[in-house]
């Protein structure tokens, strides 16, 4: 419920949102993120890229602050970000690429295992 009452979500540095970011995206709440060095700091960055929403991915701490302030004070831009997020949900939530790749991996492992046991 708090996501529906908020104007902006500020993703944390070094340990990016996972499930939380997915919930925020589901609410069309604009997210400001700055990808970290390691995977744990890049989840939200990846989600936003899948959505085609790179406007709120900051390059550094100063950019993060500037993007957050702009989202906070520019309701028209904030609304356009939220609308684009909504229109692009299918790119993230309906993406079957990882499922298909995992299925292919399991099939290859099974095939290899069966050929080794023969």
PDB file of N, CA and C in Angstrom:
ATOM      1  N   UNK A   1       0.821  -1.191   0.000  1.00  0.00           N
ATOM      2  CA  UNK A   1       0.000   0.000   0.000  1.00  0.00           C
ATOM      3  C   UNK A   1       0.868   1.260   0.000  1.00  0.00           C
ATOM      4  N   UNK A   2       2.015   1.182   0.672  1.00  0.00           N
ATOM      5  CA  UNK A   2       2.869   2.370   0.723  1.00  0.00           C
ATOM      6  C   UNK A   2       3.359   2.763  -0.680  1.00  0.00           C
ATOM      7  N   UNK A   3       3.560   1.754  -1.554  1.00  0.00           N
ATOM      8  CA  UNK A   3       3.977   2.063  -2.922  1.00  0.00           C
ATOM      9  C   UNK A   3       2.916   2.849  -3.680  1.00  0.00           C
ATOM     10  N   UNK A   4       1.674   2.580  -3.390  1.00  0.00           N
ATOM     11  CA  UNK A   4       0.586   3.295  -4.062  1.00  0.00           C
ATOM     12  C   UNK A   4       0.414   4.710  -3.532  1.00  0.00           C
ATOM     13  N   UNK A   5       0.952   4.979  -2.353  1.00  0.00           N
ATOM     14  CA  UNK A   5       0.851   6.305  -1.761  1.00  0.00           C
ATOM     15  C   UNK A   5       2.093   7.167  -2.004  1.00  0.00           C
ATOM     16  N   UNK A   6       3.128   6.553  -2.553  1.00  0.00           N
ATOM     17  CA  UNK A   6       4.408   7.253  -2.751  1.00  0.00           C
ATOM     18  C   UNK A   6       4.503   7.861  -4.144  1.00  0.00           C
ATOM     19  N   UNK A   7       5.384   8.839  -4.287  1.00  0.00           N
ATOM     20  CA  UNK A   7       5.636   9.464  -5.586  1.00  0.00           C
ATOM     21  C   UNK A   7       6.864   8.877  -6.270  1.00  0.00           C
ATOM     22  N   UNK A   8       7.862   8.497  -5.473  1.00  0.00           N
ATOM     23  CA  UNK A   8       9.140   8.034  -6.012  1.00  0.00           C
ATOM     24  C   UNK A   8       9.688   6.938  -5.096  1.00  0.00           C
ATOM     25  N   UNK A   9      10.345   5.952  -5.699  1.00  0.00           N
ATOM     26  CA  UNK A   9      11.037   4.921  -4.931  1.00  0.00           C
ATOM     27  C   UNK A   9      12.533   5.101  -5.134  1.00  0.00           C
ATOM     28  N   UNK A  10      13.282   5.201  -4.056  1.00  0.00           N
ATOM     29  CA  UNK A  10      14.733   5.357  -4.111  1.00  0.00           C
ATOM     30  C   UNK A  10      15.384   4.013  -3.804  1.00  0.00           C
ATOM     31  N   UNK A  11      15.960   3.421  -4.823  1.00  0.00           N
ATOM     32  CA  UNK A  11      16.650   2.142  -4.678  1.00  0.00           C
ATOM     33  C   UNK A  11      17.943   2.368  -3.900  1.00  0.00           C
ATOM     34  N   UNK A  12      18.315   1.416  -3.089  1.00  0.00           N
ATOM     35  CA  UNK A  12      19.516   1.569  -2.256  1.00  0.00           C
ATOM     36  C   UNK A  12      20.788   1.285  -3.045  1.00  0.00           C
ATOM     37  N   UNK A  13      21.868   1.911  -2.617  1.00  0.00           N
ATOM     38  CA  UNK A  13      23.169   1.667  -3.221  1.00  0.00           C
ATOM     39  C   UNK A  13      23.734   0.348  -2.707  1.00  0.00           C
ATOM     40  N   UNK A  14      24.532  -0.280  -3.480  1.00  0.00           N
ATOM     41  CA  UNK A  14      25.277  -1.519  -3.226  1.00  0.00           C
ATOM     42  C   UNK A  14      24.415  -2.770  -3.072  1.00  0.00           C
ATOM     43  N   UNK A  15      23.177  -2.635  -2.657  1.00  0.00           N
ATOM     44  CA  UNK A  15      22.303  -3.812  -2.547  1.00  0.00           C
ATOM     45  C   UNK A  15      20.940  -3.422  -3.091  1.00  0.00           C
ATOM     46  N   UNK A  16      20.789  -3.647  -4.371  1.00  0.00           N
ATOM     47  CA  UNK A  16      19.603  -3.201  -5.096  1.00  0.00           C
ATOM     48  C   UNK A  16      18.372  -4.026  -4.739  1.00  0.00           C
ATOM     49  N   UNK A  17      17.222  -3.458  -4.998  1.00  0.00           N
ATOM     50  CA  UNK A  17      15.966  -4.163  -4.742  1.00  0.00           C
ATOM     51  C   UNK A  17      15.789  -5.337  -5.677  1.00  0.00           C
ATOM     52  N   UNK A  18      15.167  -6.373  -5.190  1.00  0.00           N
ATOM     53  CA  UNK A  18      14.805  -7.539  -6.003  1.00  0.00           C
ATOM     54  C   UNK A  18      13.293  -7.608  -6.030  1.00  0.00           C
ATOM     55  N   UNK A  19      12.736  -8.385  -5.102  1.00  0.00           N
ATOM     56  CA  UNK A  19      11.272  -8.481  -5.008  1.00  0.00           C
ATOM     57  C   UNK A  19      10.630  -7.127  -4.751  1.00  0.00           C
ATOM     58  N   UNK A  20      11.269  -6.315  -3.934  1.00  0.00           N
ATOM     59  CA  UNK A  20      10.723  -4.991  -3.639  1.00  0.00           C
ATOM     60  C   UNK A  20      10.611  -4.164  -4.910  1.00  0.00           C
ATOM     61  N   UNK A  21      11.643  -4.184  -5.724  1.00  0.00           N
ATOM     62  CA  UNK A  21      11.605  -3.428  -6.976  1.00  0.00           C
ATOM     63  C   UNK A  21      10.528  -3.960  -7.916  1.00  0.00           C
ATOM     64  N   UNK A  22      10.350  -5.270  -7.956  1.00  0.00           N
ATOM     65  CA  UNK A  22       9.292  -5.840  -8.794  1.00  0.00           C
ATOM     66  C   UNK A  22       7.912  -5.373  -8.319  1.00  0.00           C
ATOM     67  N   UNK A  23       7.727  -5.325  -7.005  1.00  0.00           N
ATOM     68  CA  UNK A  23       6.457  -4.825  -6.458  1.00  0.00           C
ATOM     69  C   UNK A  23       6.249  -3.358  -6.813  1.00  0.00           C
ATOM     70  N   UNK A  24       7.314  -2.567  -6.720  1.00  0.00           N
ATOM     71  CA  UNK A  24       7.260  -1.141  -7.034  1.00  0.00           C
ATOM     72  C   UNK A  24       6.905  -0.947  -8.514  1.00  0.00           C
ATOM     73  N   UNK A  25       7.545  -1.722  -9.374  1.00  0.00           N
ATOM     74  CA  UNK A  25       7.261  -1.645 -10.806  1.00  0.00           C
ATOM     75  C   UNK A  25       5.809  -2.026 -11.068  1.00  0.00           C
ATOM     76  N   UNK A  26       5.322  -3.035 -10.379  1.00  0.00           N
ATOM     77  CA  UNK A  26       3.924  -3.443 -10.518  1.00  0.00           C
ATOM     78  C   UNK A  26       2.953  -2.338 -10.140  1.00  0.00           C
ATOM     79  N   UNK A  27       3.385  -1.427  -9.287  1.00  0.00           N
ATOM     80  CA  UNK A  27       2.567  -0.277  -8.882  1.00  0.00           C
ATOM     81  C   UNK A  27       2.831   0.951  -9.754  1.00  0.00           C
ATOM     82  N   UNK A  28       3.699   0.812 -10.750  1.00  0.00           N
ATOM     83  CA  UNK A  28       4.064   1.922 -11.641  1.00  0.00           C
ATOM     84  C   UNK A  28       4.669   3.099 -10.894  1.00  0.00           C
ATOM     85  N   UNK A  29       5.396   2.796  -9.850  1.00  0.00           N
ATOM     86  CA  UNK A  29       6.055   3.828  -9.062  1.00  0.00           C
ATOM     87  C   UNK A  29       7.453   4.061  -9.631  1.00  0.00           C
ATOM     88  N   UNK A  30       7.756   5.257 -10.107  1.00  0.00           N
ATOM     89  CA  UNK A  30       9.083   5.525 -10.664  1.00  0.00           C
ATOM     90  C   UNK A  30      10.192   5.211  -9.662  1.00  0.00           C
ATOM     91  N   UNK A  31      11.228   4.553 -10.169  1.00  0.00           N
ATOM     92  CA  UNK A  31      12.364   4.125  -9.352  1.00  0.00           C
ATOM     93  C   UNK A  31      13.621   4.871  -9.785  1.00  0.00           C
ATOM     94  N   UNK A  32      14.363   5.359  -8.809  1.00  0.00           N
ATOM     95  CA  UNK A  32      15.691   5.911  -9.074  1.00  0.00           C
ATOM     96  C   UNK A  32      16.694   4.879  -8.580  1.00  0.00           C
ATOM     97  N   UNK A  33      17.618   4.487  -9.454  1.00  0.00           N
ATOM     98  CA  UNK A  33      18.635   3.519  -9.078  1.00  0.00           C
ATOM     99  C   UNK A  33      19.985   3.932  -9.635  1.00  0.00           C
ATOM    100  N   UNK A  34      21.012   3.400  -9.039  1.00  0.00           N
ATOM    101  CA  UNK A  34      22.379   3.605  -9.521  1.00  0.00           C
ATOM    102  C   UNK A  34      23.068   2.251  -9.397  1.00  0.00           C
ATOM    103  N   UNK A  35      23.337   1.597 -10.527  1.00  0.00           N
ATOM    104  CA  UNK A  35      23.883   0.240 -10.462  1.00  0.00           C
ATOM    105  C   UNK A  35      25.225   0.180  -9.754  1.00  0.00           C
ATOM    106  N   UNK A  36      25.383  -0.873  -8.973  1.00  0.00           N
ATOM    107  CA  UNK A  36      26.629  -1.079  -8.243  1.00  0.00           C
ATOM    108  C   UNK A  36      27.592  -1.943  -9.026  1.00  0.00           C
ATOM    109  N   UNK A  37      28.713  -2.236  -8.399  1.00  0.00           N
ATOM    110  CA  UNK A  37      29.766  -3.024  -9.040  1.00  0.00           C
ATOM    111  C   UNK A  37      29.375  -4.488  -9.185  1.00  0.00           C
ATOM    112  N   UNK A  38      28.658  -5.024  -8.192  1.00  0.00           N
ATOM    113  CA  UNK A  38      28.320  -6.439  -8.165  1.00  0.00           C
ATOM    114  C   UNK A  38      26.857  -6.662  -8.538  1.00  0.00           C
ATOM    115  N   UNK A  39      26.514  -7.908  -8.854  1.00  0.00           N
ATOM    116  CA  UNK A  39      25.155  -8.247  -9.256  1.00  0.00           C
ATOM    117  C   UNK A  39      24.117  -7.788  -8.226  1.00  0.00           C
ATOM    118  N   UNK A  40      24.425  -7.932  -6.952  1.00  0.00           N
ATOM    119  CA  UNK A  40      23.463  -7.564  -5.907  1.00  0.00           C
ATOM    120  C   UNK A  40      23.069  -6.090  -5.969  1.00  0.00           C
ATOM    121  N   UNK A  41      23.856  -5.281  -6.630  1.00  0.00           N
ATOM    122  CA  UNK A  41      23.551  -3.868  -6.771  1.00  0.00           C
ATOM    123  C   UNK A  41      23.065  -3.495  -8.159  1.00  0.00           C
ATOM    124  N   UNK A  42      22.635  -4.513  -8.931  1.00  0.00           N
ATOM    125  CA  UNK A  42      22.241  -4.253 -10.307  1.00  0.00           C
ATOM    126  C   UNK A  42      20.860  -4.802 -10.665  1.00  0.00           C
ATOM    127  N   UNK A  43      20.126  -5.347  -9.705  1.00  0.00           N
ATOM    128  CA  UNK A  43      18.817  -5.932 -10.020  1.00  0.00           C
ATOM    129  C   UNK A  43      17.861  -4.909 -10.619  1.00  0.00           C
ATOM    130  N   UNK A  44      17.672  -3.808  -9.938  1.00  0.00           N
ATOM    131  CA  UNK A  44      16.720  -2.802 -10.404  1.00  0.00           C
ATOM    132  C   UNK A  44      17.159  -2.229 -11.740  1.00  0.00           C
ATOM    133  N   UNK A  45      18.449  -2.017 -11.901  1.00  0.00           N
ATOM    134  CA  UNK A  45      19.011  -1.555 -13.172  1.00  0.00           C
ATOM    135  C   UNK A  45      18.579  -2.494 -14.301  1.00  0.00           C
ATOM    136  N   UNK A  46      18.692  -3.798 -14.078  1.00  0.00           N
ATOM    137  CA  UNK A  46      18.311  -4.783 -15.092  1.00  0.00           C
ATOM    138  C   UNK A  46      16.811  -4.776 -15.355  1.00  0.00           C
ATOM    139  N   UNK A  47      16.021  -4.673 -14.307  1.00  0.00           N
ATOM    140  CA  UNK A  47      14.561  -4.621 -14.489  1.00  0.00           C
ATOM    141  C   UNK A  47      14.170  -3.413 -15.337  1.00  0.00           C
ATOM    142  N   UNK A  48      14.741  -2.266 -15.004  1.00  0.00           N
ATOM    143  CA  UNK A  48      14.403  -1.045 -15.740  1.00  0.00           C
ATOM    144  C   UNK A  48      14.857  -1.135 -17.195  1.00  0.00           C
ATOM    145  N   UNK A  49      15.994  -1.739 -17.434  1.00  0.00           N
ATOM    146  CA  UNK A  49      16.454  -1.905 -18.813  1.00  0.00           C
ATOM    147  C   UNK A  49      15.522  -2.822 -19.594  1.00  0.00           C
ATOM    148  N   UNK A  50      15.041  -3.897 -18.961  1.00  0.00           N
ATOM    149  CA  UNK A  50      14.072  -4.764 -19.628  1.00  0.00           C
ATOM    150  C   UNK A  50      12.797  -3.999 -19.978  1.00  0.00           C
ATOM    151  N   UNK A  51      12.416  -3.078 -19.112  1.00  0.00           N
ATOM    152  CA  UNK A  51      11.227  -2.255 -19.362  1.00  0.00           C
ATOM    153  C   UNK A  51      11.479  -1.188 -20.425  1.00  0.00           C
ATOM    154  N   UNK A  52      12.746  -0.956 -20.752  1.00  0.00           N
ATOM    155  CA  UNK A  52      13.085   0.137 -21.659  1.00  0.00           C
ATOM    156  C   UNK A  52      13.021   1.486 -20.972  1.00  0.00           C
ATOM    157  N   UNK A  53      13.231   1.482 -19.665  1.00  0.00           N
ATOM    158  CA  UNK A  53      13.093   2.680 -18.833  1.00  0.00           C
ATOM    159  C   UNK A  53      14.445   3.065 -18.233  1.00  0.00           C
ATOM    160  N   UNK A  54      15.298   3.653 -19.015  1.00  0.00           N
ATOM    161  CA  UNK A  54      16.635   3.982 -18.525  1.00  0.00           C
ATOM    162  C   UNK A  54      16.737   5.415 -18.002  1.00  0.00           C
ATOM    163  N   UNK A  55      15.661   6.192 -18.102  1.00  0.00           N
ATOM    164  CA  UNK A  55      15.665   7.595 -17.682  1.00  0.00           C
ATOM    165  C   UNK A  55      16.028   7.801 -16.217  1.00  0.00           C
ATOM    166  N   UNK A  56      15.707   6.820 -15.384  1.00  0.00           N
ATOM    167  CA  UNK A  56      15.902   6.979 -13.946  1.00  0.00           C
ATOM    168  C   UNK A  56      17.049   6.118 -13.416  1.00  0.00           C
ATOM    169  N   UNK A  57      17.893   5.641 -14.331  1.00  0.00           N
ATOM    170  CA  UNK A  57      19.108   4.922 -13.936  1.00  0.00           C
ATOM    171  C   UNK A  57      20.237   5.943 -13.892  1.00  0.00           C
ATOM    172  N   UNK A  58      20.703   6.218 -12.704  1.00  0.00           N
ATOM    173  CA  UNK A  58      21.740   7.241 -12.516  1.00  0.00           C
ATOM    174  C   UNK A  58      23.128   6.687 -12.835  1.00  0.00           C
ATOM    175  N   UNK A  59      23.997   7.583 -13.242  1.00  0.00           N
ATOM    176  CA  UNK A  59      25.379   7.216 -13.567  1.00  0.00           C
ATOM    177  C   UNK A  59      26.289   7.246 -12.338  1.00  0.00           C
ATOM    178  N   UNK A  60      25.898   8.052 -11.350  1.00  0.00           N
ATOM    179  CA  UNK A  60      26.706   8.209 -10.141  1.00  0.00           C
ATOM    180  C   UNK A  60      25.818   8.821  -9.051  1.00  0.00           C
ATOM    181  N   UNK A  61      26.381   9.060  -7.879  1.00  0.00           N
ATOM    182  CA  UNK A  61      25.593   9.573  -6.753  1.00  0.00           C
ATOM    183  C   UNK A  61      24.978  10.938  -7.047  1.00  0.00           C
ATOM    184  N   UNK A  62      25.734  11.835  -7.668  1.00  0.00           N
ATOM    185  CA  UNK A  62      25.215  13.170  -7.974  1.00  0.00           C
ATOM    186  C   UNK A  62      24.046  13.082  -8.953  1.00  0.00           C
ATOM    187  N   UNK A  63      24.177  12.249  -9.957  1.00  0.00           N
ATOM    188  CA  UNK A  63      23.097  12.052 -10.931  1.00  0.00           C
ATOM    189  C   UNK A  63      21.872  11.451 -10.248  1.00  0.00           C
ATOM    190  N   UNK A  64      22.093  10.526  -9.330  1.00  0.00           N
ATOM    191  CA  UNK A  64      21.012   9.893  -8.553  1.00  0.00           C
ATOM    192  C   UNK A  64      20.202  10.972  -7.831  1.00  0.00           C
ATOM    193  N   UNK A  65      20.888  11.872  -7.183  1.00  0.00           N
ATOM    194  CA  UNK A  65      20.228  12.964  -6.451  1.00  0.00           C
ATOM    195  C   UNK A  65      19.444  13.851  -7.411  1.00  0.00           C
ATOM    196  N   UNK A  66      20.047  14.184  -8.537  1.00  0.00           N
ATOM    197  CA  UNK A  66      19.387  15.049  -9.511  1.00  0.00           C
ATOM    198  C   UNK A  66      18.133  14.402 -10.098  1.00  0.00           C
ATOM    199  N   UNK A  67      18.217  13.116 -10.423  1.00  0.00           N
ATOM    200  CA  UNK A  67      17.055  12.395 -10.956  1.00  0.00           C
ATOM    201  C   UNK A  67      15.957  12.326  -9.904  1.00  0.00           C
ATOM    202  N   UNK A  68      16.322  12.037  -8.664  1.00  0.00           N
ATOM    203  CA  UNK A  68      15.339  11.955  -7.576  1.00  0.00           C
ATOM    204  C   UNK A  68      14.635  13.297  -7.378  1.00  0.00           C
ATOM    205  N   UNK A  69      15.397  14.373  -7.386  1.00  0.00           N
ATOM    206  CA  UNK A  69      14.807  15.705  -7.209  1.00  0.00           C
ATOM    207  C   UNK A  69      13.876  16.035  -8.368  1.00  0.00           C
ATOM    208  N   UNK A  70      14.320  15.730  -9.588  1.00  0.00           N
ATOM    209  CA  UNK A  70      13.474  16.004 -10.757  1.00  0.00           C
ATOM    210  C   UNK A  70      12.161  15.226 -10.670  1.00  0.00           C
ATOM    211  N   UNK A  71      12.240  13.950 -10.306  1.00  0.00           N
ATOM    212  CA  UNK A  71      11.009  13.157 -10.163  1.00  0.00           C
ATOM    213  C   UNK A  71      10.106  13.723  -9.075  1.00  0.00           C
ATOM    214  N   UNK A  72      10.721  14.165  -7.993  1.00  0.00           N
ATOM    215  CA  UNK A  72       9.944  14.700  -6.884  1.00  0.00           C
ATOM    216  C   UNK A  72       9.241  16.011  -7.204  1.00  0.00           C
ATOM    217  N   UNK A  73       9.874  16.838  -8.016  1.00  0.00           N
ATOM    218  CA  UNK A  73       9.329  18.171  -8.272  1.00  0.00           C
ATOM    219  C   UNK A  73       8.672  18.350  -9.638  1.00  0.00           C
ATOM    220  N   UNK A  74       8.778  17.358 -10.510  1.00  0.00           N
ATOM    221  CA  UNK A  74       8.197  17.466 -11.847  1.00  0.00           C
ATOM    222  C   UNK A  74       7.101  16.412 -12.022  1.00  0.00           C
ATOM    223  N   UNK A  75       5.871  16.738 -11.627  1.00  0.00           N
ATOM    224  CA  UNK A  75       4.790  15.749 -11.683  1.00  0.00           C
ATOM    225  C   UNK A  75       4.480  15.254 -13.095  1.00  0.00           C
ATOM    226  N   UNK A  76       4.692  16.094 -14.107  1.00  0.00           N
ATOM    227  CA  UNK A  76       4.429  15.660 -15.479  1.00  0.00           C
ATOM    228  C   UNK A  76       5.422  14.580 -15.911  1.00  0.00           C
ATOM    229  N   UNK A  77       6.706  14.797 -15.590  1.00  0.00           N
ATOM    230  CA  UNK A  77       7.717  13.793 -15.933  1.00  0.00           C
ATOM    231  C   UNK A  77       7.476  12.508 -15.150  1.00  0.00           C
ATOM    232  N   UNK A  78       7.172  12.657 -13.869  1.00  0.00           N
ATOM    233  CA  UNK A  78       6.886  11.497 -13.012  1.00  0.00           C
ATOM    234  C   UNK A  78       5.714  10.702 -13.575  1.00  0.00           C
ATOM    235  N   UNK A  79       4.686  11.385 -14.015  1.00  0.00           N
ATOM    236  CA  UNK A  79       3.507  10.721 -14.582  1.00  0.00           C
ATOM    237  C   UNK A  79       3.863  10.012 -15.887  1.00  0.00           C
ATOM    238  N   UNK A  80       4.690  10.643 -16.723  1.00  0.00           N
ATOM    239  CA  UNK A  80       5.069  10.009 -17.990  1.00  0.00           C
ATOM    240  C   UNK A  80       5.906   8.751 -17.742  1.00  0.00           C
ATOM    241  N   UNK A  81       6.768   8.803 -16.732  1.00  0.00           N
ATOM    242  CA  UNK A  81       7.552   7.615 -16.368  1.00  0.00           C
ATOM    243  C   UNK A  81       6.614   6.498 -15.915  1.00  0.00           C
ATOM    244  N   UNK A  82       5.675   6.816 -15.052  1.00  0.00           N
ATOM    245  CA  UNK A  82       4.725   5.818 -14.549  1.00  0.00           C
ATOM    246  C   UNK A  82       3.896   5.217 -15.679  1.00  0.00           C
ATOM    247  N   UNK A  83       3.464   6.041 -16.616  1.00  0.00           N
ATOM    248  CA  UNK A  83       2.661   5.550 -17.740  1.00  0.00           C
ATOM    249  C   UNK A  83       3.476   4.620 -18.642  1.00  0.00           C
ATOM    250  N   UNK A  84       4.718   4.995 -18.910  1.00  0.00           N
ATOM    251  CA  UNK A  84       5.576   4.135 -19.733  1.00  0.00           C
ATOM    252  C   UNK A  84       5.877   2.817 -19.032  1.00  0.00           C
ATOM    253  N   UNK A  85       6.048   2.878 -17.711  1.00  0.00           N
ATOM    254  CA  UNK A  85       6.262   1.637 -16.962  1.00  0.00           C
ATOM    255  C   UNK A  85       5.062   0.717 -17.148  1.00  0.00           C
ATOM    256  N   UNK A  86       3.888   1.266 -16.983  1.00  0.00           N
ATOM    257  CA  UNK A  86       2.655   0.493 -17.117  1.00  0.00           C
ATOM    258  C   UNK A  86       2.533  -0.127 -18.510  1.00  0.00           C
ATOM    259  N   UNK A  87       2.842   0.643 -19.518  1.00  0.00           N
ATOM    260  CA  UNK A  87       2.732   0.158 -20.897  1.00  0.00           C
ATOM    261  C   UNK A  87       3.746  -0.937 -21.220  1.00  0.00           C
ATOM    262  N   UNK A  88       4.845  -0.987 -20.474  1.00  0.00           N
ATOM    263  CA  UNK A  88       5.915  -1.937 -20.769  1.00  0.00           C
ATOM    264  C   UNK A  88       6.008  -3.105 -19.786  1.00  0.00           C
ATOM    265  N   UNK A  89       5.029  -3.258 -18.915  1.00  0.00           N
ATOM    266  CA  UNK A  89       5.060  -4.361 -17.947  1.00  0.00           C
ATOM    267  C   UNK A  89       5.322  -5.708 -18.621  1.00  0.00           C
ATOM    268  N   UNK A  90       4.721  -5.912 -19.785  1.00  0.00           N
ATOM    269  CA  UNK A  90       4.859  -7.199 -20.464  1.00  0.00           C
ATOM    270  C   UNK A  90       6.318  -7.551 -20.762  1.00  0.00           C
ATOM    271  N   UNK A  91       7.159  -6.549 -20.977  1.00  0.00           N
ATOM    272  CA  UNK A  91       8.566  -6.816 -21.269  1.00  0.00           C
ATOM    273  C   UNK A  91       9.285  -7.488 -20.102  1.00  0.00           C
ATOM    274  N   UNK A  92       8.819  -7.214 -18.908  1.00  0.00           N
ATOM    275  CA  UNK A  92       9.443  -7.769 -17.702  1.00  0.00           C
ATOM    276  C   UNK A  92       8.659  -8.959 -17.169  1.00  0.00           C
ATOM    277  N   UNK A  93       7.375  -8.767 -16.960  1.00  0.00           N
ATOM    278  CA  UNK A  93       6.576  -9.784 -16.278  1.00  0.00           C
ATOM    279  C   UNK A  93       6.157 -10.945 -17.187  1.00  0.00           C
ATOM    280  N   UNK A  94       6.170 -10.757 -18.497  1.00  0.00           N
ATOM    281  CA  UNK A  94       5.778 -11.826 -19.423  1.00  0.00           C
ATOM    282  C   UNK A  94       6.955 -12.367 -20.234  1.00  0.00           C
ATOM    283  N   UNK A  95       8.168 -11.978 -19.886  1.00  0.00           N
ATOM    284  CA  UNK A  95       9.361 -12.412 -20.613  1.00  0.00           C
ATOM    285  C   UNK A  95       9.618 -13.890 -20.338  1.00  0.00           C
ATOM    286  N   UNK A  96       9.653 -14.678 -21.391  1.00  0.00           N
ATOM    287  CA  UNK A  96       9.837 -16.132 -21.256  1.00  0.00           C
ATOM    288  C   UNK A  96      11.265 -16.572 -21.595  1.00  0.00           C
ATOM    289  N   UNK A  97      12.146 -15.634 -21.930  1.00  0.00           N
ATOM    290  CA  UNK A  97      13.507 -16.009 -22.331  1.00  0.00           C
ATOM    291  C   UNK A  97      14.235 -16.815 -21.263  1.00  0.00           C
ATOM    292  N   UNK A  98      14.158 -16.385 -20.010  1.00  0.00           N
ATOM    293  CA  UNK A  98      14.896 -17.113 -18.964  1.00  0.00           C
ATOM    294  C   UNK A  98      14.290 -18.498 -18.731  1.00  0.00           C
ATOM    295  N   UNK A  99      12.981 -18.627 -18.852  1.00  0.00           N
ATOM    296  CA  UNK A  99      12.325 -19.927 -18.672  1.00  0.00           C
ATOM    297  C   UNK A  99      12.740 -20.880 -19.788  1.00  0.00           C
ATOM    298  N   UNK A 100      12.738 -20.382 -21.015  1.00  0.00           N
ATOM    299  CA  UNK A 100      13.137 -21.189 -22.168  1.00  0.00           C
ATOM    300  C   UNK A 100      14.599 -21.616 -22.055  1.00  0.00           C
ATOM    301  N   UNK A 101      15.474 -20.695 -21.641  1.00  0.00           N
ATOM    302  CA  UNK A 101      16.895 -21.018 -21.491  1.00  0.00           C
ATOM    303  C   UNK A 101      17.117 -22.042 -20.379  1.00  0.00           C
ATOM    304  N   UNK A 102      16.408 -21.923 -19.275  1.00  0.00           N
ATOM    305  CA  UNK A 102      16.541 -22.881 -18.178  1.00  0.00           C
ATOM    306  C   UNK A 102      16.038 -24.265 -18.622  1.00  0.00           C
ATOM    307  N   UNK A 103      14.940 -24.286 -19.350  1.00  0.00           N
ATOM    308  CA  UNK A 103      14.407 -25.545 -19.872  1.00  0.00           C
ATOM    309  C   UNK A 103      15.438 -26.224 -20.788  1.00  0.00           C
ATOM    310  N   UNK A 104      16.061 -25.447 -21.680  1.00  0.00           N
ATOM    311  CA  UNK A 104      17.077 -25.996 -22.581  1.00  0.00           C
ATOM    312  C   UNK A 104      18.270 -26.536 -21.786  1.00  0.00           C
ATOM    313  N   UNK A 105      18.659 -25.812 -20.744  1.00  0.00           N
ATOM    314  CA  UNK A 105      19.763 -26.267 -19.890  1.00  0.00           C
ATOM    315  C   UNK A 105      19.436 -27.612 -19.250  1.00  0.00           C
ATOM    316  N   UNK A 106      18.229 -27.724 -18.657  1.00  0.00           N
ATOM    317  CA  UNK A 106      17.837 -28.990 -18.016  1.00  0.00           C
ATOM    318  C   UNK A 106      17.788 -30.127 -19.029  1.00  0.00           C
ATOM    319  N   UNK A 107      17.296 -29.857 -20.219  1.00  0.00           N
ATOM    320  CA  UNK A 107      17.241 -30.901 -21.242  1.00  0.00           C
ATOM    321  C   UNK A 107      18.646 -31.358 -21.631  1.00  0.00           C
ATOM    322  N   UNK A 108      19.582 -30.416 -21.741  1.00  0.00           N
ATOM    323  CA  UNK A 108      20.961 -30.754 -22.084  1.00  0.00           C
ATOM    324  C   UNK A 108      21.619 -31.558 -20.961  1.00  0.00           C
ATOM    325  N   UNK A 109      21.378 -31.169 -19.720  1.00  0.00           N
ATOM    326  CA  UNK A 109      21.935 -31.908 -18.578  1.00  0.00           C
ATOM    327  C   UNK A 109      21.384 -33.332 -18.564  1.00  0.00           C
ATOM    328  N   UNK A 110      20.094 -33.467 -18.783  1.00  0.00           N
ATOM    329  CA  UNK A 110      19.469 -34.800 -18.801  1.00  0.00           C
ATOM    330  C   UNK A 110      20.043 -35.637 -19.941  1.00  0.00           C
ATOM    331  N   UNK A 111      20.163 -35.052 -21.110  1.00  0.00           N
ATOM    332  CA  UNK A 111      20.702 -35.766 -22.280  1.00  0.00           C
ATOM    333  C   UNK A 111      22.132 -36.204 -22.009  1.00  0.00           C
ATOM    334  N   UNK A 112      22.956 -35.331 -21.440  1.00  0.00           N
ATOM    335  CA  UNK A 112      24.338 -35.652 -21.110  1.00  0.00           C
ATOM    336  C   UNK A 112      24.400 -36.766 -20.057  1.00  0.00           C
ATOM    337  N   UNK A 113      23.557 -36.631 -19.046  1.00  0.00           N
ATOM    338  CA  UNK A 113      23.532 -37.626 -17.970  1.00  0.00           C
ATOM    339  C   UNK A 113      23.136 -38.997 -18.503  1.00  0.00           C
ATOM    340  N   UNK A 114      22.151 -39.027 -19.359  1.00  0.00           N
ATOM    341  CA  UNK A 114      21.693 -40.304 -19.919  1.00  0.00           C
ATOM    342  C   UNK A 114      22.754 -40.925 -20.830  1.00  0.00           C
ATOM    343  N   UNK A 115      23.464 -40.099 -21.583  1.00  0.00           N
ATOM    344  CA  UNK A 115      24.502 -40.639 -22.469  1.00  0.00           C
ATOM    345  C   UNK A 115      25.709 -41.143 -21.662  1.00  0.00           C
ATOM    346  N   UNK A 116      25.988 -40.529 -20.513  1.00  0.00           N
ATOM    347  CA  UNK A 116      27.095 -41.001 -19.677  1.00  0.00           C
ATOM    348  C   UNK A 116      26.761 -42.287 -18.960  1.00  0.00           C
ATOM    349  N   UNK A 117      25.482 -42.496 -18.654  1.00  0.00           N
ATOM    350  CA  UNK A 117      25.084 -43.702 -17.919  1.00  0.00           C
ATOM    351  C   UNK A 117      24.858 -44.896 -18.852  1.00  0.00           C
ATOM    352  N   UNK A 118      24.870 -44.652 -20.144  1.00  0.00           N
ATOM    353  CA  UNK A 118      24.648 -45.757 -21.103  1.00  0.00           C
ATOM    354  C   UNK A 118      25.894 -46.541 -21.378  1.00  0.00           C
TER     355      UNK A 118
END
